[in-house]
Amino acid sequence: MEWLDFYNIYVVGSVQILTGFCFFTKCLKRKVSYYFCLLFTALGLFLLNWISSDVAQMGIYVLLLAGVGVFVYKESPSASVLYALVAEEIMQLCFGIANSLLLALSAWLFPLKAKGILQSVLQIRIRLTGKSKA
């Protein structure tokens, strides 16, 4: 496994799971401990990496969130499922926008990958502004 694969699967995946979980708990107006956040993230990564279908991954994630709402936070099942669906859809929307922006930027950054970071930043500035000096 290459470094980029590890980063995309585990680091970005855990950030997405953790962000969705924090948003879900804020919707329920509950406080959560750091230990429980790490436990939920590890469980989510473990379960979601076994499933290859994106639709099934979304369903499992909604069930995980709803299960936490019902069994841990003692919320009603309808409210837990509703907030889990809302949290999932908002997270999909946010990360879809972020991924689209990163894809647009990568077209400019890939030709510059062999150069230093400072040179890359200067090249982008020149492309955007048309000026070579400050």
Foldseek 3Di string as FASTA:
>chain_A
DDPVVCCVLQVVQLVLLLVLLVQLCVVVVHDDDPVVSVVLSVVLSVVLVVDDDPVVNLVVSLVSQLCCCCPVVVDDSVVSSVSSVVSSVVSCVVVVVVVVVVVVVVVLCVVVVVDDPVVSVQVVVCVVPVDNDD
